[in-house]
């Protein structure tokens, strides 16, 4: 089915867009603060995506994409870096509205320390695997900046949103990797999978979402100051 990946993108963003007009959350009012971060983060991750594709870290099954490419990347893959972050920021905002108590505030710093420590360990153990190296190197860098440089106050909220977003993550990535639509070269990762999903995908996604949410909060704060 040539439209399979395109359909996944459509379904990923369909409900967040429709529910954006809920009278309570009114997520649509925050759209203007999302897109600058999507653009910046998208450029970063699409650059790596392009390099990964060229060097065979992963590839795309031509049976499930429409065949329109930009710089060797299927259109659907480019859209993925818009639809998934948009949907996850929607989850983040809904949780902020409905879950008033900051449930992970006491544990946030410890979570960051564990993730940074894990990332450094993975860098030493799998320095020769491109996907693993980039994934954990990026995660360590982003968390160090968020925790120690800008000292972000939203990390605990982010961790909760990330945990909740794992449900759609397993659905979407499970489909992409089980059909498969996206095919991974296990010589460039740890060759350890959760079901059909490479373990690195969890942390690659975490970095992408954290950067998007940090930028979302930055542009929202900036927008309020200039209003």
C-alpha atoms as a PDB file:
ATOM      1  CA  UNK A   1       0.000   0.000   0.000  1.00  0.00           C
ATOM      2  CA  UNK A   2       1.811   3.090  -1.272  1.00  0.00           C
ATOM      3  CA  UNK A   3      -0.051   5.444   1.072  1.00  0.00           C
ATOM      4  CA  UNK A   4       0.680   3.522   4.288  1.00  0.00           C
ATOM      5  CA  UNK A   5       3.334   5.870   5.720  1.00  0.00           C
ATOM      6  CA  UNK A   6       1.364   8.925   4.606  1.00  0.00           C
ATOM      7  CA  UNK A   7      -1.739   7.537   6.319  1.00  0.00           C
ATOM      8  CA  UNK A   8       0.201   7.002   9.550  1.00  0.00           C
ATOM      9  CA  UNK A   9       1.273  10.651   9.470  1.00  0.00           C
ATOM     10  CA  UNK A  10      -2.292  11.760   8.851  1.00  0.00           C
ATOM     11  CA  UNK A  11      -3.739   9.715  11.714  1.00  0.00           C
ATOM     12  CA  UNK A  12      -0.948  10.857  14.047  1.00  0.00           C
ATOM     13  CA  UNK A  13      -1.907  14.500  13.674  1.00  0.00           C
ATOM     14  CA  UNK A  14      -5.658  14.201  12.942  1.00  0.00           C
ATOM     15  CA  UNK A  15      -6.960  13.899  16.494  1.00  0.00           C
ATOM     16  CA  UNK A  16      -4.588  16.487  18.032  1.00  0.00           C
ATOM     17  CA  UNK A  17      -5.751  19.001  15.402  1.00  0.00           C
ATOM     18  CA  UNK A  18      -9.450  18.248  15.934  1.00  0.00           C
ATOM     19  CA  UNK A  19      -9.115  18.273  19.732  1.00  0.00           C
ATOM     20  CA  UNK A  20      -7.073  21.487  19.630  1.00  0.00           C
ATOM     21  CA  UNK A  21     -10.365  23.379  19.573  1.00  0.00           C
ATOM     22  CA  UNK A  22     -11.569  21.900  22.855  1.00  0.00           C
ATOM     23  CA  UNK A  23     -12.980  24.820  24.877  1.00  0.00           C
ATOM     24  CA  UNK A  24     -10.955  23.936  27.952  1.00  0.00           C
ATOM     25  CA  UNK A  25      -7.427  23.350  26.662  1.00  0.00           C
ATOM     26  CA  UNK A  26      -7.749  25.585  23.557  1.00  0.00           C
ATOM     27  CA  UNK A  27      -4.534  24.188  22.152  1.00  0.00           C
ATOM     28  CA  UNK A  28      -5.046  26.000  18.849  1.00  0.00           C
ATOM     29  CA  UNK A  29      -4.082  29.261  20.570  1.00  0.00           C
ATOM     30  CA  UNK A  30      -0.572  27.837  21.119  1.00  0.00           C
ATOM     31  CA  UNK A  31       0.025  26.721  17.539  1.00  0.00           C
ATOM     32  CA  UNK A  32       2.007  29.848  16.687  1.00  0.00           C
ATOM     33  CA  UNK A  33       4.537  28.978  19.390  1.00  0.00           C
ATOM     34  CA  UNK A  34       5.007  25.424  18.095  1.00  0.00           C
ATOM     35  CA  UNK A  35       6.076  26.023  14.512  1.00  0.00           C
ATOM     36  CA  UNK A  36       9.373  27.902  15.073  1.00  0.00           C
ATOM     37  CA  UNK A  37      10.587  25.002  17.232  1.00  0.00           C
ATOM     38  CA  UNK A  38       9.341  22.450  14.718  1.00  0.00           C
ATOM     39  CA  UNK A  39      11.330  24.198  12.006  1.00  0.00           C
ATOM     40  CA  UNK A  40      14.559  24.423  14.034  1.00  0.00           C
ATOM     41  CA  UNK A  41      14.351  20.865  15.391  1.00  0.00           C
ATOM     42  CA  UNK A  42      13.216  19.529  12.029  1.00  0.00           C
ATOM     43  CA  UNK A  43      16.292  20.926  10.294  1.00  0.00           C
ATOM     44  CA  UNK A  44      18.583  19.279  12.847  1.00  0.00           C
ATOM     45  CA  UNK A  45      16.946  15.875  12.743  1.00  0.00           C
ATOM     46  CA  UNK A  46      16.383  15.858   8.995  1.00  0.00           C
ATOM     47  CA  UNK A  47      20.084  16.529   8.494  1.00  0.00           C
ATOM     48  CA  UNK A  48      20.910  13.439  10.546  1.00  0.00           C
ATOM     49  CA  UNK A  49      18.102  11.550   8.843  1.00  0.00           C
ATOM     50  CA  UNK A  50      19.605  12.365   5.463  1.00  0.00           C
ATOM     51  CA  UNK A  51      23.090  11.267   6.572  1.00  0.00           C
ATOM     52  CA  UNK A  52      21.704   8.080   8.150  1.00  0.00           C
ATOM     53  CA  UNK A  53      19.857   7.260   4.927  1.00  0.00           C
ATOM     54  CA  UNK A  54      22.900   7.886   2.720  1.00  0.00           C
ATOM     55  CA  UNK A  55      25.115   5.702   4.910  1.00  0.00           C
ATOM     56  CA  UNK A  56      22.596   2.910   5.291  1.00  0.00           C
ATOM     57  CA  UNK A  57      21.756   3.302   8.970  1.00  0.00           C
ATOM     58  CA  UNK A  58      18.152   2.866   7.897  1.00  0.00           C
ATOM     59  CA  UNK A  59      16.147   2.770   4.693  1.00  0.00           C
ATOM     60  CA  UNK A  60      12.531   2.999   3.547  1.00  0.00           C
ATOM     61  CA  UNK A  61      10.437   0.277   1.987  1.00  0.00           C
ATOM     62  CA  UNK A  62       9.325   1.587  -1.441  1.00  0.00           C
ATOM     63  CA  UNK A  63       6.150  -0.514  -1.272  1.00  0.00           C
ATOM     64  CA  UNK A  64       4.688   1.733   1.445  1.00  0.00           C
ATOM     65  CA  UNK A  65       5.681   5.252   0.369  1.00  0.00           C
ATOM     66  CA  UNK A  66       4.336   7.354  -2.500  1.00  0.00           C
ATOM     67  CA  UNK A  67       7.783   7.803  -4.029  1.00  0.00           C
ATOM     68  CA  UNK A  68       8.243  11.566  -3.728  1.00  0.00           C
ATOM     69  CA  UNK A  69      11.710  12.350  -2.340  1.00  0.00           C
ATOM     70  CA  UNK A  70      13.477  15.480  -1.139  1.00  0.00           C
ATOM     71  CA  UNK A  71      17.243  15.008  -0.672  1.00  0.00           C
ATOM     72  CA  UNK A  72      16.885  11.214  -0.638  1.00  0.00           C
ATOM     73  CA  UNK A  73      14.180  11.385   2.057  1.00  0.00           C
ATOM     74  CA  UNK A  74      10.593  10.312   1.377  1.00  0.00           C
ATOM     75  CA  UNK A  75       8.021  13.060   1.858  1.00  0.00           C
ATOM     76  CA  UNK A  76       6.436  10.937   4.580  1.00  0.00           C
ATOM     77  CA  UNK A  77       9.656  10.881   6.597  1.00  0.00           C
ATOM     78  CA  UNK A  78       9.889  14.671   6.449  1.00  0.00           C
ATOM     79  CA  UNK A  79       6.266  14.969   7.596  1.00  0.00           C
ATOM     80  CA  UNK A  80       7.041  12.591  10.476  1.00  0.00           C
ATOM     81  CA  UNK A  81       9.181  15.300  12.095  1.00  0.00           C
ATOM     82  CA  UNK A  82       6.156  17.599  12.058  1.00  0.00           C
ATOM     83  CA  UNK A  83       3.271  15.307  12.924  1.00  0.00           C
ATOM     84  CA  UNK A  84       4.867  13.417  15.818  1.00  0.00           C
ATOM     85  CA  UNK A  85       6.248  16.446  17.740  1.00  0.00           C
ATOM     86  CA  UNK A  86       2.981  18.328  17.181  1.00  0.00           C
ATOM     87  CA  UNK A  87       0.991  15.414  18.613  1.00  0.00           C
ATOM     88  CA  UNK A  88       3.339  15.061  21.590  1.00  0.00           C
ATOM     89  CA  UNK A  89       3.228  18.772  22.424  1.00  0.00           C
ATOM     90  CA  UNK A  90      -0.557  18.386  22.389  1.00  0.00           C
ATOM     91  CA  UNK A  91      -0.229  15.561  24.938  1.00  0.00           C
ATOM     92  CA  UNK A  92       2.119  17.741  27.002  1.00  0.00           C
ATOM     93  CA  UNK A  93      -0.338  20.645  27.033  1.00  0.00           C
ATOM     94  CA  UNK A  94      -3.331  18.462  27.883  1.00  0.00           C
ATOM     95  CA  UNK A  95      -1.463  16.927  30.813  1.00  0.00           C
ATOM     96  CA  UNK A  96      -0.457  20.379  32.036  1.00  0.00           C
ATOM     97  CA  UNK A  97      -4.116  21.395  31.993  1.00  0.00           C
ATOM     98  CA  UNK A  98      -5.747  18.291  33.448  1.00  0.00           C
ATOM     99  CA  UNK A  99      -2.984  17.115  35.811  1.00  0.00           C
ATOM    100  CA  UNK A 100      -2.369  20.177  37.950  1.00  0.00           C
ATOM    101  CA  UNK A 101      -0.016  18.484  40.388  1.00  0.00           C
ATOM    102  CA  UNK A 102       3.568  18.145  39.193  1.00  0.00           C
ATOM    103  CA  UNK A 103       3.775  14.410  39.879  1.00  0.00           C
ATOM    104  CA  UNK A 104       7.436  13.929  38.991  1.00  0.00           C
ATOM    105  CA  UNK A 105       8.876  17.139  40.379  1.00  0.00           C
ATOM    106  CA  UNK A 106      10.673  15.379  43.270  1.00  0.00           C
ATOM    107  CA  UNK A 107      12.214  12.827  40.934  1.00  0.00           C
ATOM    108  CA  UNK A 108      12.994  14.959  37.886  1.00  0.00           C
ATOM    109  CA  UNK A 109      16.661  15.647  38.653  1.00  0.00           C
ATOM    110  CA  UNK A 110      17.319  11.982  39.470  1.00  0.00           C
ATOM    111  CA  UNK A 111      15.698  10.929  36.185  1.00  0.00           C
ATOM    112  CA  UNK A 112      17.968  13.353  34.344  1.00  0.00           C
ATOM    113  CA  UNK A 113      21.069  12.070  36.152  1.00  0.00           C
ATOM    114  CA  UNK A 114      20.205   8.451  35.355  1.00  0.00           C
ATOM    115  CA  UNK A 115      19.551   9.251  31.692  1.00  0.00           C
ATOM    116  CA  UNK A 116      22.798  11.228  31.372  1.00  0.00           C
ATOM    117  CA  UNK A 117      24.737   8.420  33.064  1.00  0.00           C
ATOM    118  CA  UNK A 118      23.104   5.810  30.830  1.00  0.00           C
ATOM    119  CA  UNK A 119      23.896   7.888  27.750  1.00  0.00           C
ATOM    120  CA  UNK A 120      27.575   8.215  28.681  1.00  0.00           C
ATOM    121  CA  UNK A 121      27.781   4.470  29.324  1.00  0.00           C
ATOM    122  CA  UNK A 122      26.216   3.701  25.930  1.00  0.00           C
ATOM    123  CA  UNK A 123      28.704   6.038  24.262  1.00  0.00           C
ATOM    124  CA  UNK A 124      31.587   4.024  25.691  1.00  0.00           C
ATOM    125  CA  UNK A 125      30.051   0.628  24.939  1.00  0.00           C
ATOM    126  CA  UNK A 126      28.768   1.342  21.428  1.00  0.00           C
ATOM    127  CA  UNK A 127      31.029   4.098  20.118  1.00  0.00           C
ATOM    128  CA  UNK A 128      31.327   2.204  16.827  1.00  0.00           C
ATOM    129  CA  UNK A 129      27.550   2.114  16.125  1.00  0.00           C
ATOM    130  CA  UNK A 130      26.440   5.279  14.339  1.00  0.00           C
ATOM    131  CA  UNK A 131      22.786   5.310  15.415  1.00  0.00           C
ATOM    132  CA  UNK A 132      23.626   4.490  19.024  1.00  0.00           C
ATOM    133  CA  UNK A 133      26.432   7.049  19.149  1.00  0.00           C
ATOM    134  CA  UNK A 134      24.366   9.928  17.757  1.00  0.00           C
ATOM    135  CA  UNK A 135      21.268   9.030  19.780  1.00  0.00           C
ATOM    136  CA  UNK A 136      22.919   8.894  23.191  1.00  0.00           C
ATOM    137  CA  UNK A 137      25.378  11.690  22.443  1.00  0.00           C
ATOM    138  CA  UNK A 138      22.500  13.993  21.546  1.00  0.00           C
ATOM    139  CA  UNK A 139      20.410  12.930  24.548  1.00  0.00           C
ATOM    140  CA  UNK A 140      23.286  13.561  26.967  1.00  0.00           C
ATOM    141  CA  UNK A 141      23.956  16.979  25.433  1.00  0.00           C
ATOM    142  CA  UNK A 142      20.307  18.074  25.492  1.00  0.00           C
ATOM    143  CA  UNK A 143      19.781  16.927  29.077  1.00  0.00           C
ATOM    144  CA  UNK A 144      22.970  18.593  30.307  1.00  0.00           C
ATOM    145  CA  UNK A 145      21.894  21.875  28.707  1.00  0.00           C
ATOM    146  CA  UNK A 146      18.335  21.578  30.041  1.00  0.00           C
ATOM    147  CA  UNK A 147      19.324  20.496  33.557  1.00  0.00           C
ATOM    148  CA  UNK A 148      22.504  22.440  34.233  1.00  0.00           C
ATOM    149  CA  UNK A 149      22.779  25.306  31.743  1.00  0.00           C
ATOM    150  CA  UNK A 150      19.282  26.750  31.340  1.00  0.00           C
ATOM    151  CA  UNK A 151      18.001  24.906  34.446  1.00  0.00           C
ATOM    152  CA  UNK A 152      14.627  24.302  32.847  1.00  0.00           C
ATOM    153  CA  UNK A 153      11.659  24.018  35.185  1.00  0.00           C
ATOM    154  CA  UNK A 154       9.605  21.955  32.758  1.00  0.00           C
ATOM    155  CA  UNK A 155      11.633  18.729  32.797  1.00  0.00           C
ATOM    156  CA  UNK A 156       9.362  16.990  35.297  1.00  0.00           C
ATOM    157  CA  UNK A 157       6.350  17.875  33.162  1.00  0.00           C
ATOM    158  CA  UNK A 158       8.195  16.702  30.078  1.00  0.00           C
ATOM    159  CA  UNK A 159       9.033  13.331  31.629  1.00  0.00           C
ATOM    160  CA  UNK A 160       5.368  12.736  32.451  1.00  0.00           C
ATOM    161  CA  UNK A 161       4.322  13.685  28.915  1.00  0.00           C
ATOM    162  CA  UNK A 162       7.009  11.416  27.485  1.00  0.00           C
ATOM    163  CA  UNK A 163       5.770   8.460  29.549  1.00  0.00           C
ATOM    164  CA  UNK A 164       2.213   9.028  28.337  1.00  0.00           C
ATOM    165  CA  UNK A 165       3.390   9.487  24.741  1.00  0.00           C
ATOM    166  CA  UNK A 166       4.996   6.039  24.823  1.00  0.00           C
ATOM    167  CA  UNK A 167       1.578   4.513  24.138  1.00  0.00           C
ATOM    168  CA  UNK A 168       1.159   6.174  20.704  1.00  0.00           C
ATOM    169  CA  UNK A 169       4.921   5.769  20.201  1.00  0.00           C
ATOM    170  CA  UNK A 170       4.607   1.984  20.438  1.00  0.00           C
ATOM    171  CA  UNK A 171       1.624   1.995  18.097  1.00  0.00           C
ATOM    172  CA  UNK A 172       3.191   4.209  15.422  1.00  0.00           C
ATOM    173  CA  UNK A 173       6.753   2.887  15.607  1.00  0.00           C
ATOM    174  CA  UNK A 174       5.461  -0.643  16.022  1.00  0.00           C
ATOM    175  CA  UNK A 175       3.662  -0.365  12.695  1.00  0.00           C
ATOM    176  CA  UNK A 176       6.615   1.339  10.981  1.00  0.00           C
ATOM    177  CA  UNK A 177       9.091  -1.330  12.095  1.00  0.00           C
ATOM    178  CA  UNK A 178       6.917  -4.445  11.908  1.00  0.00           C
ATOM    179  CA  UNK A 179       5.576  -4.133   8.354  1.00  0.00           C
ATOM    180  CA  UNK A 180       8.370  -2.842   7.913  1.00  0.00           C
ATOM    181  CA  UNK A 181       8.121   0.636   6.418  1.00  0.00           C
ATOM    182  CA  UNK A 182      11.366   1.810   7.999  1.00  0.00           C
ATOM    183  CA  UNK A 183      14.140  -0.789   7.878  1.00  0.00           C
ATOM    184  CA  UNK A 184      17.111  -0.590  10.259  1.00  0.00           C
ATOM    185  CA  UNK A 185      20.647  -1.791   9.695  1.00  0.00           C
ATOM    186  CA  UNK A 186      21.455  -3.607  12.964  1.00  0.00           C
ATOM    187  CA  UNK A 187      25.182  -3.192  12.300  1.00  0.00           C
ATOM    188  CA  UNK A 188      24.717   0.494  13.201  1.00  0.00           C
ATOM    189  CA  UNK A 189      22.677   0.022  16.387  1.00  0.00           C
ATOM    190  CA  UNK A 190      22.723  -2.184  19.484  1.00  0.00           C
ATOM    191  CA  UNK A 191      20.633  -4.832  17.697  1.00  0.00           C
ATOM    192  CA  UNK A 192      18.321  -4.901  20.723  1.00  0.00           C
ATOM    193  CA  UNK A 193      14.640  -4.363  20.075  1.00  0.00           C
ATOM    194  CA  UNK A 194      11.511  -3.828  22.106  1.00  0.00           C
ATOM    195  CA  UNK A 195       9.198  -5.910  19.967  1.00  0.00           C
ATOM    196  CA  UNK A 196      10.263  -4.717  16.536  1.00  0.00           C
ATOM    197  CA  UNK A 197      11.390  -1.248  17.677  1.00  0.00           C
ATOM    198  CA  UNK A 198      15.144  -0.601  18.108  1.00  0.00           C
ATOM    199  CA  UNK A 199      15.910   0.463  21.668  1.00  0.00           C
ATOM    200  CA  UNK A 200      17.599   3.637  20.383  1.00  0.00           C
ATOM    201  CA  UNK A 201      14.295   4.857  18.953  1.00  0.00           C
ATOM    202  CA  UNK A 202      13.010   5.509  22.482  1.00  0.00           C
ATOM    203  CA  UNK A 203      15.873   7.886  23.263  1.00  0.00           C
ATOM    204  CA  UNK A 204      16.055   9.415  19.780  1.00  0.00           C
ATOM    205  CA  UNK A 205      12.389  10.298  20.207  1.00  0.00           C
ATOM    206  CA  UNK A 206      13.017  11.649  23.708  1.00  0.00           C
ATOM    207  CA  UNK A 207      15.678  14.069  22.423  1.00  0.00           C
ATOM    208  CA  UNK A 208      13.508  15.235  19.561  1.00  0.00           C
ATOM    209  CA  UNK A 209      10.493  15.836  21.789  1.00  0.00           C
ATOM    210  CA  UNK A 210      12.476  17.546  24.543  1.00  0.00           C
ATOM    211  CA  UNK A 211      14.076  19.985  22.109  1.00  0.00           C
ATOM    212  CA  UNK A 212      10.662  20.749  20.618  1.00  0.00           C
ATOM    213  CA  UNK A 213       9.045  21.338  24.008  1.00  0.00           C
ATOM    214  CA  UNK A 214      11.925  23.488  25.276  1.00  0.00           C
ATOM    215  CA  UNK A 215      11.646  25.634  22.157  1.00  0.00           C
ATOM    216  CA  UNK A 216       7.857  25.692  22.431  1.00  0.00           C
ATOM    217  CA  UNK A 217       8.100  27.021  25.980  1.00  0.00           C
ATOM    218  CA  UNK A 218      10.803  29.499  24.959  1.00  0.00           C
ATOM    219  CA  UNK A 219       8.750  30.975  22.104  1.00  0.00           C
ATOM    220  CA  UNK A 220       5.592  31.000  24.222  1.00  0.00           C
ATOM    221  CA  UNK A 221       7.364  32.919  26.993  1.00  0.00           C
ATOM    222  CA  UNK A 222       8.883  35.278  24.437  1.00  0.00           C
ATOM    223  CA  UNK A 223       5.459  35.800  22.872  1.00  0.00           C
ATOM    224  CA  UNK A 224       3.907  36.698  26.210  1.00  0.00           C
ATOM    225  CA  UNK A 225       6.686  39.183  26.989  1.00  0.00           C
ATOM    226  CA  UNK A 226       6.267  40.979  23.676  1.00  0.00           C
ATOM    227  CA  UNK A 227       2.457  40.928  23.717  1.00  0.00           C
END
